[in-house]
């Protein structure tokens, strides 16, 4: 009989993976780190995800990445229409409010995307 996967375990893995990717970047992130944070064994992750990339794709989905790009482009177009960008205010911009709402709702995915794949920079 095949093992039944549990939604709560998958959720914990995704949440832990998002935190690890946000902290370390894709390159430096390890599935072992995500497993430890999720409170499971590394081997258990492979019951839910084929590899690190498939976990990443569950966190940073194509629709999320596309929406962030659309929102950023919309906000940047607003700057092109301004006579003096220094006079721009966030409170008068629908694009800024939409971008902020997106960042709040998808904060870790947005951070992962904006951070890029680079390894974590150690602070000395």
PDB file of N, CA and C in Angstrom:
ATOM      1  N   UNK A   1       0.835  -1.169   0.000  1.00  0.00           N
ATOM      2  CA  UNK A   1       0.000   0.000   0.000  1.00  0.00           C
ATOM      3  C   UNK A   1       0.892   1.249   0.000  1.00  0.00           C
ATOM      4  N   UNK A   2       0.649   2.192  -0.941  1.00  0.00           N
ATOM      5  CA  UNK A   2       1.477   3.398  -0.997  1.00  0.00           C
ATOM      6  C   UNK A   2       1.232   4.289   0.227  1.00  0.00           C
ATOM      7  N   UNK A   3       2.291   4.984   0.611  1.00  0.00           N
ATOM      8  CA  UNK A   3       2.202   5.867   1.774  1.00  0.00           C
ATOM      9  C   UNK A   3       1.368   7.095   1.411  1.00  0.00           C
ATOM     10  N   UNK A   4       0.503   7.512   2.309  1.00  0.00           N
ATOM     11  CA  UNK A   4      -0.319   8.702   2.090  1.00  0.00           C
ATOM     12  C   UNK A   4       0.460   9.933   2.554  1.00  0.00           C
ATOM     13  N   UNK A   5       0.636  10.865   1.632  1.00  0.00           N
ATOM     14  CA  UNK A   5       1.350  12.091   1.981  1.00  0.00           C
ATOM     15  C   UNK A   5       0.427  13.005   2.781  1.00  0.00           C
ATOM     16  N   UNK A   6       0.993  13.733   3.678  1.00  0.00           N
ATOM     17  CA  UNK A   6       0.208  14.580   4.577  1.00  0.00           C
ATOM     18  C   UNK A   6       0.357  16.044   4.187  1.00  0.00           C
ATOM     19  N   UNK A   7      -0.788  16.723   4.067  1.00  0.00           N
ATOM     20  CA  UNK A   7      -0.786  18.129   3.677  1.00  0.00           C
ATOM     21  C   UNK A   7      -0.031  18.998   4.674  1.00  0.00           C
ATOM     22  N   UNK A   8      -0.157  18.698   5.965  1.00  0.00           N
ATOM     23  CA  UNK A   8       0.520  19.531   6.956  1.00  0.00           C
ATOM     24  C   UNK A   8       2.034  19.385   6.878  1.00  0.00           C
ATOM     25  N   UNK A   9       2.521  18.192   6.542  1.00  0.00           N
ATOM     26  CA  UNK A   9       3.969  17.992   6.394  1.00  0.00           C
ATOM     27  C   UNK A   9       4.460  18.743   5.162  1.00  0.00           C
ATOM     28  N   UNK A  10       3.727  18.643   4.066  1.00  0.00           N
ATOM     29  CA  UNK A  10       4.100  19.366   2.846  1.00  0.00           C
ATOM     30  C   UNK A  10       4.145  20.870   3.122  1.00  0.00           C
ATOM     31  N   UNK A  11       3.137  21.361   3.831  1.00  0.00           N
ATOM     32  CA  UNK A  11       3.083  22.777   4.173  1.00  0.00           C
ATOM     33  C   UNK A  11       4.308  23.184   4.998  1.00  0.00           C
ATOM     34  N   UNK A  12       4.656  22.387   6.001  1.00  0.00           N
ATOM     35  CA  UNK A  12       5.829  22.687   6.826  1.00  0.00           C
ATOM     36  C   UNK A  12       7.104  22.704   5.998  1.00  0.00           C
ATOM     37  N   UNK A  13       7.217  21.777   5.050  1.00  0.00           N
ATOM     38  CA  UNK A  13       8.408  21.731   4.188  1.00  0.00           C
ATOM     39  C   UNK A  13       8.482  22.993   3.339  1.00  0.00           C
ATOM     40  N   UNK A  14       7.358  23.385   2.746  1.00  0.00           N
ATOM     41  CA  UNK A  14       7.333  24.583   1.894  1.00  0.00           C
ATOM     42  C   UNK A  14       7.671  25.826   2.709  1.00  0.00           C
ATOM     43  N   UNK A  15       7.086  25.954   3.885  1.00  0.00           N
ATOM     44  CA  UNK A  15       7.372  27.108   4.739  1.00  0.00           C
ATOM     45  C   UNK A  15       8.843  27.133   5.163  1.00  0.00           C
ATOM     46  N   UNK A  16       9.358  25.996   5.559  1.00  0.00           N
ATOM     47  CA  UNK A  16      10.765  25.913   5.968  1.00  0.00           C
ATOM     48  C   UNK A  16      11.684  26.180   4.785  1.00  0.00           C
ATOM     49  N   UNK A  17      11.371  25.612   3.636  1.00  0.00           N
ATOM     50  CA  UNK A  17      12.176  25.843   2.438  1.00  0.00           C
ATOM     51  C   UNK A  17      12.196  27.306   2.050  1.00  0.00           C
ATOM     52  N   UNK A  18      11.047  27.964   2.136  1.00  0.00           N
ATOM     53  CA  UNK A  18      10.983  29.394   1.803  1.00  0.00           C
ATOM     54  C   UNK A  18      11.887  30.200   2.726  1.00  0.00           C
ATOM     55  N   UNK A  19      11.862  29.890   4.001  1.00  0.00           N
ATOM     56  CA  UNK A  19      12.716  30.610   4.949  1.00  0.00           C
ATOM     57  C   UNK A  19      14.193  30.376   4.647  1.00  0.00           C
ATOM     58  N   UNK A  20      14.553  29.148   4.335  1.00  0.00           N
ATOM     59  CA  UNK A  20      15.956  28.826   4.046  1.00  0.00           C
ATOM     60  C   UNK A  20      16.408  29.492   2.751  1.00  0.00           C
ATOM     61  N   UNK A  21      15.588  29.434   1.699  1.00  0.00           N
ATOM     62  CA  UNK A  21      15.943  30.088   0.435  1.00  0.00           C
ATOM     63  C   UNK A  21      16.072  31.599   0.627  1.00  0.00           C
ATOM     64  N   UNK A  22      15.184  32.184   1.413  1.00  0.00           N
ATOM     65  CA  UNK A  22      15.237  33.624   1.658  1.00  0.00           C
ATOM     66  C   UNK A  22      16.496  34.007   2.426  1.00  0.00           C
ATOM     67  N   UNK A  23      16.900  33.186   3.380  1.00  0.00           N
ATOM     68  CA  UNK A  23      18.087  33.485   4.176  1.00  0.00           C
ATOM     69  C   UNK A  23      19.389  33.248   3.426  1.00  0.00           C
ATOM     70  N   UNK A  24      19.458  32.136   2.695  1.00  0.00           N
ATOM     71  CA  UNK A  24      20.734  31.707   2.125  1.00  0.00           C
ATOM     72  C   UNK A  24      20.846  31.867   0.618  1.00  0.00           C
ATOM     73  N   UNK A  25      19.732  32.038  -0.060  1.00  0.00           N
ATOM     74  CA  UNK A  25      19.762  32.028  -1.516  1.00  0.00           C
ATOM     75  C   UNK A  25      19.670  30.589  -2.006  1.00  0.00           C
ATOM     76  N   UNK A  26      19.289  30.430  -3.265  1.00  0.00           N
ATOM     77  CA  UNK A  26      19.082  29.089  -3.802  1.00  0.00           C
ATOM     78  C   UNK A  26      20.357  28.249  -3.762  1.00  0.00           C
ATOM     79  N   UNK A  27      21.469  28.823  -4.139  1.00  0.00           N
ATOM     80  CA  UNK A  27      22.709  28.069  -4.257  1.00  0.00           C
ATOM     81  C   UNK A  27      23.149  27.497  -2.913  1.00  0.00           C
ATOM     82  N   UNK A  28      23.119  28.308  -1.883  1.00  0.00           N
ATOM     83  CA  UNK A  28      23.617  27.874  -0.577  1.00  0.00           C
ATOM     84  C   UNK A  28      22.592  27.087   0.232  1.00  0.00           C
ATOM     85  N   UNK A  29      21.331  27.186  -0.126  1.00  0.00           N
ATOM     86  CA  UNK A  29      20.297  26.471   0.626  1.00  0.00           C
ATOM     87  C   UNK A  29      20.464  24.969   0.464  1.00  0.00           C
ATOM     88  N   UNK A  30      20.222  24.244   1.558  1.00  0.00           N
ATOM     89  CA  UNK A  30      20.306  22.777   1.516  1.00  0.00           C
ATOM     90  C   UNK A  30      18.970  22.203   1.970  1.00  0.00           C
ATOM     91  N   UNK A  31      18.605  21.099   1.359  1.00  0.00           N
ATOM     92  CA  UNK A  31      17.378  20.438   1.781  1.00  0.00           C
ATOM     93  C   UNK A  31      17.465  20.008   3.240  1.00  0.00           C
ATOM     94  N   UNK A  32      18.659  19.679   3.698  1.00  0.00           N
ATOM     95  CA  UNK A  32      18.845  19.302   5.105  1.00  0.00           C
ATOM     96  C   UNK A  32      18.468  20.462   6.031  1.00  0.00           C
ATOM     97  N   UNK A  33      18.770  21.695   5.614  1.00  0.00           N
ATOM     98  CA  UNK A  33      18.390  22.864   6.411  1.00  0.00           C
ATOM     99  C   UNK A  33      16.873  23.001   6.481  1.00  0.00           C
ATOM    100  N   UNK A  34      16.217  22.817   5.340  1.00  0.00           N
ATOM    101  CA  UNK A  34      14.754  22.903   5.303  1.00  0.00           C
ATOM    102  C   UNK A  34      14.134  21.789   6.141  1.00  0.00           C
ATOM    103  N   UNK A  35      14.689  20.602   6.047  1.00  0.00           N
ATOM    104  CA  UNK A  35      14.163  19.471   6.819  1.00  0.00           C
ATOM    105  C   UNK A  35      14.288  19.740   8.314  1.00  0.00           C
ATOM    106  N   UNK A  36      15.452  20.214   8.728  1.00  0.00           N
ATOM    107  CA  UNK A  36      15.662  20.504  10.150  1.00  0.00           C
ATOM    108  C   UNK A  36      14.657  21.546  10.636  1.00  0.00           C
ATOM    109  N   UNK A  37      14.469  22.589   9.845  1.00  0.00           N
ATOM    110  CA  UNK A  37      13.538  23.654  10.226  1.00  0.00           C
ATOM    111  C   UNK A  37      12.098  23.147  10.265  1.00  0.00           C
ATOM    112  N   UNK A  38      11.773  22.197   9.373  1.00  0.00           N
ATOM    113  CA  UNK A  38      10.418  21.634   9.323  1.00  0.00           C
ATOM    114  C   UNK A  38      10.213  20.550  10.375  1.00  0.00           C
ATOM    115  N   UNK A  39      11.293  20.114  11.006  1.00  0.00           N
ATOM    116  CA  UNK A  39      11.200  19.084  12.035  1.00  0.00           C
ATOM    117  C   UNK A  39      10.998  17.686  11.475  1.00  0.00           C
ATOM    118  N   UNK A  40      11.591  17.441  10.305  1.00  0.00           N
ATOM    119  CA  UNK A  40      11.487  16.127   9.667  1.00  0.00           C
ATOM    120  C   UNK A  40      12.868  15.690   9.205  1.00  0.00           C
ATOM    121  N   UNK A  41      12.959  14.463   8.710  1.00  0.00           N
ATOM    122  CA  UNK A  41      14.232  13.990   8.166  1.00  0.00           C
ATOM    123  C   UNK A  41      14.394  14.488   6.728  1.00  0.00           C
ATOM    124  N   UNK A  42      15.628  14.612   6.291  1.00  0.00           N
ATOM    125  CA  UNK A  42      15.893  15.029   4.913  1.00  0.00           C
ATOM    126  C   UNK A  42      15.263  14.043   3.938  1.00  0.00           C
ATOM    127  N   UNK A  43      15.337  12.768   4.241  1.00  0.00           N
ATOM    128  CA  UNK A  43      14.752  11.755   3.376  1.00  0.00           C
ATOM    129  C   UNK A  43      13.252  11.931   3.198  1.00  0.00           C
ATOM    130  N   UNK A  44      12.593  12.454   4.205  1.00  0.00           N
ATOM    131  CA  UNK A  44      11.150  12.674   4.114  1.00  0.00           C
ATOM    132  C   UNK A  44      10.808  13.744   3.078  1.00  0.00           C
ATOM    133  N   UNK A  45      11.689  14.706   2.878  1.00  0.00           N
ATOM    134  CA  UNK A  45      11.440  15.745   1.865  1.00  0.00           C
ATOM    135  C   UNK A  45      11.282  15.108   0.495  1.00  0.00           C
ATOM    136  N   UNK A  46      12.079  14.079   0.223  1.00  0.00           N
ATOM    137  CA  UNK A  46      12.050  13.441  -1.095  1.00  0.00           C
ATOM    138  C   UNK A  46      10.751  12.685  -1.358  1.00  0.00           C
ATOM    139  N   UNK A  47       9.945  12.469  -0.342  1.00  0.00           N
ATOM    140  CA  UNK A  47       8.613  11.894  -0.558  1.00  0.00           C
ATOM    141  C   UNK A  47       7.675  12.931  -1.157  1.00  0.00           C
ATOM    142  N   UNK A  48       8.006  14.207  -0.963  1.00  0.00           N
ATOM    143  CA  UNK A  48       7.154  15.300  -1.398  1.00  0.00           C
ATOM    144  C   UNK A  48       7.720  16.061  -2.598  1.00  0.00           C
ATOM    145  N   UNK A  49       9.035  16.128  -2.685  1.00  0.00           N
ATOM    146  CA  UNK A  49       9.701  16.894  -3.739  1.00  0.00           C
ATOM    147  C   UNK A  49      10.866  16.093  -4.301  1.00  0.00           C
ATOM    148  N   UNK A  50      11.043  16.144  -5.618  1.00  0.00           N
ATOM    149  CA  UNK A  50      12.113  15.387  -6.271  1.00  0.00           C
ATOM    150  C   UNK A  50      13.500  15.887  -5.894  1.00  0.00           C
ATOM    151  N   UNK A  51      13.629  17.211  -5.752  1.00  0.00           N
ATOM    152  CA  UNK A  51      14.935  17.814  -5.500  1.00  0.00           C
ATOM    153  C   UNK A  51      14.742  19.247  -5.020  1.00  0.00           C
ATOM    154  N   UNK A  52      15.842  19.949  -4.833  1.00  0.00           N
ATOM    155  CA  UNK A  52      15.798  21.322  -4.335  1.00  0.00           C
ATOM    156  C   UNK A  52      15.055  22.231  -5.315  1.00  0.00           C
ATOM    157  N   UNK A  53      15.243  22.021  -6.590  1.00  0.00           N
ATOM    158  CA  UNK A  53      14.576  22.861  -7.586  1.00  0.00           C
ATOM    159  C   UNK A  53      13.062  22.688  -7.552  1.00  0.00           C
ATOM    160  N   UNK A  54      12.590  21.472  -7.363  1.00  0.00           N
ATOM    161  CA  UNK A  54      11.130  21.277  -7.316  1.00  0.00           C
ATOM    162  C   UNK A  54      10.539  21.913  -6.050  1.00  0.00           C
ATOM    163  N   UNK A  55      11.281  21.912  -4.947  1.00  0.00           N
ATOM    164  CA  UNK A  55      10.828  22.626  -3.753  1.00  0.00           C
ATOM    165  C   UNK A  55      10.800  24.123  -4.034  1.00  0.00           C
ATOM    166  N   UNK A  56      11.839  24.629  -4.659  1.00  0.00           N
ATOM    167  CA  UNK A  56      11.892  26.044  -5.026  1.00  0.00           C
ATOM    168  C   UNK A  56      10.689  26.426  -5.884  1.00  0.00           C
ATOM    169  N   UNK A  57      10.372  25.586  -6.869  1.00  0.00           N
ATOM    170  CA  UNK A  57       9.253  25.871  -7.780  1.00  0.00           C
ATOM    171  C   UNK A  57       7.901  25.819  -7.078  1.00  0.00           C
ATOM    172  N   UNK A  58       7.811  25.094  -5.985  1.00  0.00           N
ATOM    173  CA  UNK A  58       6.577  25.084  -5.198  1.00  0.00           C
ATOM    174  C   UNK A  58       6.431  26.373  -4.391  1.00  0.00           C
ATOM    175  N   UNK A  59       7.540  26.997  -4.085  1.00  0.00           N
ATOM    176  CA  UNK A  59       7.545  28.231  -3.292  1.00  0.00           C
ATOM    177  C   UNK A  59       7.408  29.449  -4.201  1.00  0.00           C
ATOM    178  N   UNK A  60       8.260  29.514  -5.202  1.00  0.00           N
ATOM    179  CA  UNK A  60       8.268  30.631  -6.135  1.00  0.00           C
ATOM    180  C   UNK A  60       7.636  30.126  -7.435  1.00  0.00           C
ATOM    181  N   UNK A  61       6.323  30.234  -7.494  1.00  0.00           N
ATOM    182  CA  UNK A  61       5.603  29.731  -8.661  1.00  0.00           C
ATOM    183  C   UNK A  61       5.693  30.734  -9.812  1.00  0.00           C
ATOM    184  N   UNK A  62       5.450  30.251 -10.997  1.00  0.00           N
ATOM    185  CA  UNK A  62       5.465  31.126 -12.181  1.00  0.00           C
ATOM    186  C   UNK A  62       4.458  32.271 -12.017  1.00  0.00           C
ATOM    187  N   UNK A  63       3.235  32.012 -11.560  1.00  0.00           N
ATOM    188  CA  UNK A  63       2.308  33.139 -11.379  1.00  0.00           C
ATOM    189  C   UNK A  63       2.798  34.186 -10.381  1.00  0.00           C
ATOM    190  N   UNK A  64       3.450  33.756  -9.305  1.00  0.00           N
ATOM    191  CA  UNK A  64       3.978  34.716  -8.328  1.00  0.00           C
ATOM    192  C   UNK A  64       5.089  35.551  -8.961  1.00  0.00           C
ATOM    193  N   UNK A  65       6.011  34.916  -9.653  1.00  0.00           N
ATOM    194  CA  UNK A  65       7.105  35.641 -10.302  1.00  0.00           C
ATOM    195  C   UNK A  65       6.573  36.598 -11.361  1.00  0.00           C
ATOM    196  N   UNK A  66       5.599  36.157 -12.133  1.00  0.00           N
ATOM    197  CA  UNK A  66       5.021  37.001 -13.185  1.00  0.00           C
ATOM    198  C   UNK A  66       4.294  38.196 -12.580  1.00  0.00           C
ATOM    199  N   UNK A  67       3.568  37.969 -11.488  1.00  0.00           N
ATOM    200  CA  UNK A  67       2.848  39.067 -10.843  1.00  0.00           C
ATOM    201  C   UNK A  67       3.826  40.098 -10.285  1.00  0.00           C
ATOM    202  N   UNK A  68       4.907  39.649  -9.671  1.00  0.00           N
ATOM    203  CA  UNK A  68       5.901  40.588  -9.157  1.00  0.00           C
ATOM    204  C   UNK A  68       6.487  41.414 -10.296  1.00  0.00           C
ATOM    205  N   UNK A  69       6.812  40.781 -11.387  1.00  0.00           N
ATOM    206  CA  UNK A  69       7.364  41.505 -12.533  1.00  0.00           C
ATOM    207  C   UNK A  69       6.367  42.539 -13.059  1.00  0.00           C
ATOM    208  N   UNK A  70       5.103  42.160 -13.190  1.00  0.00           N
ATOM    209  CA  UNK A  70       4.076  43.102 -13.659  1.00  0.00           C
ATOM    210  C   UNK A  70       3.953  44.298 -12.721  1.00  0.00           C
ATOM    211  N   UNK A  71       3.925  44.031 -11.421  1.00  0.00           N
ATOM    212  CA  UNK A  71       3.786  45.114 -10.452  1.00  0.00           C
ATOM    213  C   UNK A  71       4.988  46.053 -10.465  1.00  0.00           C
ATOM    214  N   UNK A  72       6.178  45.491 -10.568  1.00  0.00           N
ATOM    215  CA  UNK A  72       7.386  46.327 -10.633  1.00  0.00           C
ATOM    216  C   UNK A  72       7.396  47.180 -11.896  1.00  0.00           C
ATOM    217  N   UNK A  73       7.033  46.586 -13.015  1.00  0.00           N
ATOM    218  CA  UNK A  73       7.006  47.346 -14.279  1.00  0.00           C
ATOM    219  C   UNK A  73       5.975  48.467 -14.224  1.00  0.00           C
ATOM    220  N   UNK A  74       4.825  48.181 -13.635  1.00  0.00           N
ATOM    221  CA  UNK A  74       3.785  49.206 -13.514  1.00  0.00           C
ATOM    222  C   UNK A  74       4.289  50.369 -12.683  1.00  0.00           C
ATOM    223  N   UNK A  75       4.923  50.068 -11.566  1.00  0.00           N
ATOM    224  CA  UNK A  75       5.451  51.136 -10.710  1.00  0.00           C
ATOM    225  C   UNK A  75       6.546  51.931 -11.425  1.00  0.00           C
ATOM    226  N   UNK A  76       7.410  51.255 -12.155  1.00  0.00           N
ATOM    227  CA  UNK A  76       8.476  51.953 -12.873  1.00  0.00           C
ATOM    228  C   UNK A  76       7.915  52.840 -13.976  1.00  0.00           C
ATOM    229  N   UNK A  77       6.837  52.402 -14.623  1.00  0.00           N
ATOM    230  CA  UNK A  77       6.203  53.252 -15.645  1.00  0.00           C
ATOM    231  C   UNK A  77       5.665  54.544 -15.033  1.00  0.00           C
ATOM    232  N   UNK A  78       5.206  54.471 -13.794  1.00  0.00           N
ATOM    233  CA  UNK A  78       4.752  55.684 -13.110  1.00  0.00           C
ATOM    234  C   UNK A  78       5.884  56.700 -13.009  1.00  0.00           C
ATOM    235  N   UNK A  79       7.080  56.235 -12.727  1.00  0.00           N
ATOM    236  CA  UNK A  79       8.225  57.151 -12.625  1.00  0.00           C
ATOM    237  C   UNK A  79       8.509  57.832 -13.958  1.00  0.00           C
ATOM    238  N   UNK A  80       8.294  57.146 -15.051  1.00  0.00           N
ATOM    239  CA  UNK A  80       8.539  57.739 -16.368  1.00  0.00           C
ATOM    240  C   UNK A  80       7.577  58.893 -16.656  1.00  0.00           C
ATOM    241  N   UNK A  81       6.401  58.864 -16.055  1.00  0.00           N
ATOM    242  CA  UNK A  81       5.397  59.898 -16.304  1.00  0.00           C
ATOM    243  C   UNK A  81       5.539  61.101 -15.374  1.00  0.00           C
ATOM    244  N   UNK A  82       6.424  61.013 -14.411  1.00  0.00           N
ATOM    245  CA  UNK A  82       6.584  62.110 -13.457  1.00  0.00           C
ATOM    246  C   UNK A  82       7.534  63.168 -13.992  1.00  0.00           C
ATOM    247  N   UNK A  83       7.227  64.409 -13.683  1.00  0.00           N
ATOM    248  CA  UNK A  83       8.148  65.488 -14.035  1.00  0.00           C
ATOM    249  C   UNK A  83       9.348  65.485 -13.083  1.00  0.00           C
ATOM    250  N   UNK A  84       9.078  65.268 -11.834  1.00  0.00           N
ATOM    251  CA  UNK A  84      10.141  65.219 -10.822  1.00  0.00           C
ATOM    252  C   UNK A  84       9.870  64.025  -9.917  1.00  0.00           C
ATOM    253  N   UNK A  85      10.663  62.981 -10.050  1.00  0.00           N
ATOM    254  CA  UNK A  85      10.395  61.753  -9.291  1.00  0.00           C
ATOM    255  C   UNK A  85      10.480  61.973  -7.793  1.00  0.00           C
ATOM    256  N   UNK A  86      11.230  62.987  -7.385  1.00  0.00           N
ATOM    257  CA  UNK A  86      11.350  63.278  -5.960  1.00  0.00           C
ATOM    258  C   UNK A  86      10.009  63.663  -5.345  1.00  0.00           C
ATOM    259  N   UNK A  87       9.086  64.119  -6.169  1.00  0.00           N
ATOM    260  CA  UNK A  87       7.776  64.530  -5.650  1.00  0.00           C
ATOM    261  C   UNK A  87       6.796  63.364  -5.547  1.00  0.00           C
ATOM    262  N   UNK A  88       7.185  62.201  -6.000  1.00  0.00           N
ATOM    263  CA  UNK A  88       6.299  61.037  -5.953  1.00  0.00           C
ATOM    264  C   UNK A  88       6.083  60.603  -4.511  1.00  0.00           C
ATOM    265  N   UNK A  89       4.854  60.215  -4.216  1.00  0.00           N
ATOM    266  CA  UNK A  89       4.550  59.694  -2.887  1.00  0.00           C
ATOM    267  C   UNK A  89       3.896  58.328  -3.029  1.00  0.00           C
ATOM    268  N   UNK A  90       4.173  57.471  -2.097  1.00  0.00           N
ATOM    269  CA  UNK A  90       3.595  56.132  -2.122  1.00  0.00           C
ATOM    270  C   UNK A  90       2.094  56.184  -1.890  1.00  0.00           C
ATOM    271  N   UNK A  91       1.648  57.102  -1.062  1.00  0.00           N
ATOM    272  CA  UNK A  91       0.224  57.150  -0.719  1.00  0.00           C
ATOM    273  C   UNK A  91      -0.656  57.560  -1.894  1.00  0.00           C
ATOM    274  N   UNK A  92      -0.077  58.204  -2.893  1.00  0.00           N
ATOM    275  CA  UNK A  92      -0.882  58.632  -4.044  1.00  0.00           C
ATOM    276  C   UNK A  92      -0.782  57.658  -5.218  1.00  0.00           C
ATOM    277  N   UNK A  93      -0.218  56.506  -4.999  1.00  0.00           N
ATOM    278  CA  UNK A  93       0.030  55.575  -6.096  1.00  0.00           C
ATOM    279  C   UNK A  93      -0.670  54.229  -5.871  1.00  0.00           C
ATOM    280  N   UNK A  94      -1.585  53.903  -6.761  1.00  0.00           N
ATOM    281  CA  UNK A  94      -2.227  52.584  -6.710  1.00  0.00           C
ATOM    282  C   UNK A  94      -1.191  51.483  -6.949  1.00  0.00           C
ATOM    283  N   UNK A  95      -0.237  51.753  -7.842  1.00  0.00           N
ATOM    284  CA  UNK A  95       0.792  50.753  -8.159  1.00  0.00           C
ATOM    285  C   UNK A  95       1.650  50.453  -6.933  1.00  0.00           C
ATOM    286  N   UNK A  96       1.961  51.474  -6.163  1.00  0.00           N
ATOM    287  CA  UNK A  96       2.767  51.269  -4.958  1.00  0.00           C
ATOM    288  C   UNK A  96       1.993  50.480  -3.919  1.00  0.00           C
ATOM    289  N   UNK A  97       0.733  50.808  -3.749  1.00  0.00           N
ATOM    290  CA  UNK A  97      -0.085  50.064  -2.788  1.00  0.00           C
ATOM    291  C   UNK A  97      -0.219  48.603  -3.208  1.00  0.00           C
ATOM    292  N   UNK A  98      -0.392  48.352  -4.510  1.00  0.00           N
ATOM    293  CA  UNK A  98      -0.500  46.974  -5.002  1.00  0.00           C
ATOM    294  C   UNK A  98       0.811  46.220  -4.795  1.00  0.00           C
ATOM    295  N   UNK A  99       1.925  46.879  -5.055  1.00  0.00           N
ATOM    296  CA  UNK A  99       3.235  46.256  -4.866  1.00  0.00           C
ATOM    297  C   UNK A  99       3.474  45.953  -3.384  1.00  0.00           C
ATOM    298  N   UNK A 100       3.138  46.873  -2.518  1.00  0.00           N
ATOM    299  CA  UNK A 100       3.311  46.655  -1.086  1.00  0.00           C
ATOM    300  C   UNK A 100       2.421  45.505  -0.599  1.00  0.00           C
ATOM    301  N   UNK A 101       1.192  45.457  -1.057  1.00  0.00           N
ATOM    302  CA  UNK A 101       0.284  44.372  -0.671  1.00  0.00           C
ATOM    303  C   UNK A 101       0.839  43.026  -1.144  1.00  0.00           C
ATOM    304  N   UNK A 102       1.401  43.000  -2.346  1.00  0.00           N
ATOM    305  CA  UNK A 102       2.003  41.767  -2.862  1.00  0.00           C
ATOM    306  C   UNK A 102       3.178  41.348  -1.993  1.00  0.00           C
ATOM    307  N   UNK A 103       4.056  42.305  -1.660  1.00  0.00           N
ATOM    308  CA  UNK A 103       5.227  41.988  -0.839  1.00  0.00           C
ATOM    309  C   UNK A 103       4.824  41.444   0.528  1.00  0.00           C
ATOM    310  N   UNK A 104       3.762  41.993   1.084  1.00  0.00           N
ATOM    311  CA  UNK A 104       3.306  41.508   2.387  1.00  0.00           C
ATOM    312  C   UNK A 104       2.753  40.091   2.259  1.00  0.00           C
ATOM    313  N   UNK A 105       1.930  39.868   1.245  1.00  0.00           N
ATOM    314  CA  UNK A 105       1.308  38.557   1.077  1.00  0.00           C
ATOM    315  C   UNK A 105       2.311  37.473   0.684  1.00  0.00           C
ATOM    316  N   UNK A 106       3.298  37.844  -0.131  1.00  0.00           N
ATOM    317  CA  UNK A 106       4.265  36.873  -0.652  1.00  0.00           C
ATOM    318  C   UNK A 106       5.689  37.272  -0.258  1.00  0.00           C
ATOM    319  N   UNK A 107       5.870  37.678   0.993  1.00  0.00           N
ATOM    320  CA  UNK A 107       7.141  38.275   1.399  1.00  0.00           C
ATOM    321  C   UNK A 107       8.354  37.389   1.155  1.00  0.00           C
ATOM    322  N   UNK A 108       8.277  36.118   1.478  1.00  0.00           N
ATOM    323  CA  UNK A 108       9.459  35.274   1.290  1.00  0.00           C
ATOM    324  C   UNK A 108       9.716  34.995  -0.184  1.00  0.00           C
ATOM    325  N   UNK A 109       8.680  34.734  -0.958  1.00  0.00           N
ATOM    326  CA  UNK A 109       8.874  34.510  -2.397  1.00  0.00           C
ATOM    327  C   UNK A 109       9.446  35.771  -3.046  1.00  0.00           C
ATOM    328  N   UNK A 110       8.941  36.944  -2.663  1.00  0.00           N
ATOM    329  CA  UNK A 110       9.462  38.197  -3.222  1.00  0.00           C
ATOM    330  C   UNK A 110      10.921  38.396  -2.829  1.00  0.00           C
ATOM    331  N   UNK A 111      11.240  38.125  -1.586  1.00  0.00           N
ATOM    332  CA  UNK A 111      12.627  38.254  -1.126  1.00  0.00           C
ATOM    333  C   UNK A 111      13.543  37.298  -1.882  1.00  0.00           C
ATOM    334  N   UNK A 112      13.091  36.076  -2.078  1.00  0.00           N
ATOM    335  CA  UNK A 112      13.888  35.088  -2.814  1.00  0.00           C
ATOM    336  C   UNK A 112      14.131  35.577  -4.238  1.00  0.00           C
ATOM    337  N   UNK A 113      13.092  36.073  -4.892  1.00  0.00           N
ATOM    338  CA  UNK A 113      13.237  36.555  -6.267  1.00  0.00           C
ATOM    339  C   UNK A 113      14.140  37.776  -6.349  1.00  0.00           C
ATOM    340  N   UNK A 114      13.961  38.707  -5.448  1.00  0.00           N
ATOM    341  CA  UNK A 114      14.766  39.931  -5.488  1.00  0.00           C
ATOM    342  C   UNK A 114      16.210  39.676  -5.081  1.00  0.00           C
ATOM    343  N   UNK A 115      16.421  38.686  -4.249  1.00  0.00           N
ATOM    344  CA  UNK A 115      17.759  38.354  -3.773  1.00  0.00           C
ATOM    345  C   UNK A 115      18.583  37.669  -4.847  1.00  0.00           C
ATOM    346  N   UNK A 116      17.933  36.862  -5.664  1.00  0.00           N
ATOM    347  CA  UNK A 116      18.641  36.127  -6.692  1.00  0.00           C
ATOM    348  C   UNK A 116      19.247  34.845  -6.141  1.00  0.00           C
ATOM    349  N   UNK A 117      19.967  34.119  -6.976  1.00  0.00           N
ATOM    350  CA  UNK A 117      20.454  32.798  -6.583  1.00  0.00           C
ATOM    351  C   UNK A 117      21.757  32.815  -5.808  1.00  0.00           C
ATOM    352  N   UNK A 118      22.380  33.955  -5.640  1.00  0.00           N
ATOM    353  CA  UNK A 118      23.721  34.018  -5.052  1.00  0.00           C
ATOM    354  C   UNK A 118      23.765  33.396  -3.668  1.00  0.00           C
ATOM    355  N   UNK A 119      24.930  32.922  -3.335  1.00  0.00           N
ATOM    356  CA  UNK A 119      25.146  32.343  -2.014  1.00  0.00           C
ATOM    357  C   UNK A 119      25.062  33.435  -0.962  1.00  0.00           C
ATOM    358  N   UNK A 120      24.784  32.997   0.229  1.00  0.00           N
ATOM    359  CA  UNK A 120      24.666  33.919   1.353  1.00  0.00           C
ATOM    360  C   UNK A 120      25.990  34.627   1.582  1.00  0.00           C
ATOM    361  N   UNK A 121      25.908  35.917   1.787  1.00  0.00           N
ATOM    362  CA  UNK A 121      27.096  36.709   2.085  1.00  0.00           C
ATOM    363  C   UNK A 121      27.255  36.733   3.590  1.00  0.00           C
ATOM    364  N   UNK A 122      28.396  36.269   4.060  1.00  0.00           N
ATOM    365  CA  UNK A 122      28.585  36.249   5.513  1.00  0.00           C
ATOM    366  C   UNK A 122      28.904  37.648   6.007  1.00  0.00           C
ATOM    367  N   UNK A 123      28.335  37.985   7.157  1.00  0.00           N
ATOM    368  CA  UNK A 123      28.625  39.283   7.748  1.00  0.00           C
ATOM    369  C   UNK A 123      29.801  39.132   8.701  1.00  0.00           C
ATOM    370  N   UNK A 124      30.773  39.963   8.510  1.00  0.00           N
ATOM    371  CA  UNK A 124      31.980  39.892   9.331  1.00  0.00           C
ATOM    372  C   UNK A 124      32.123  41.157  10.137  1.00  0.00           C
TER     373      UNK A 124
END
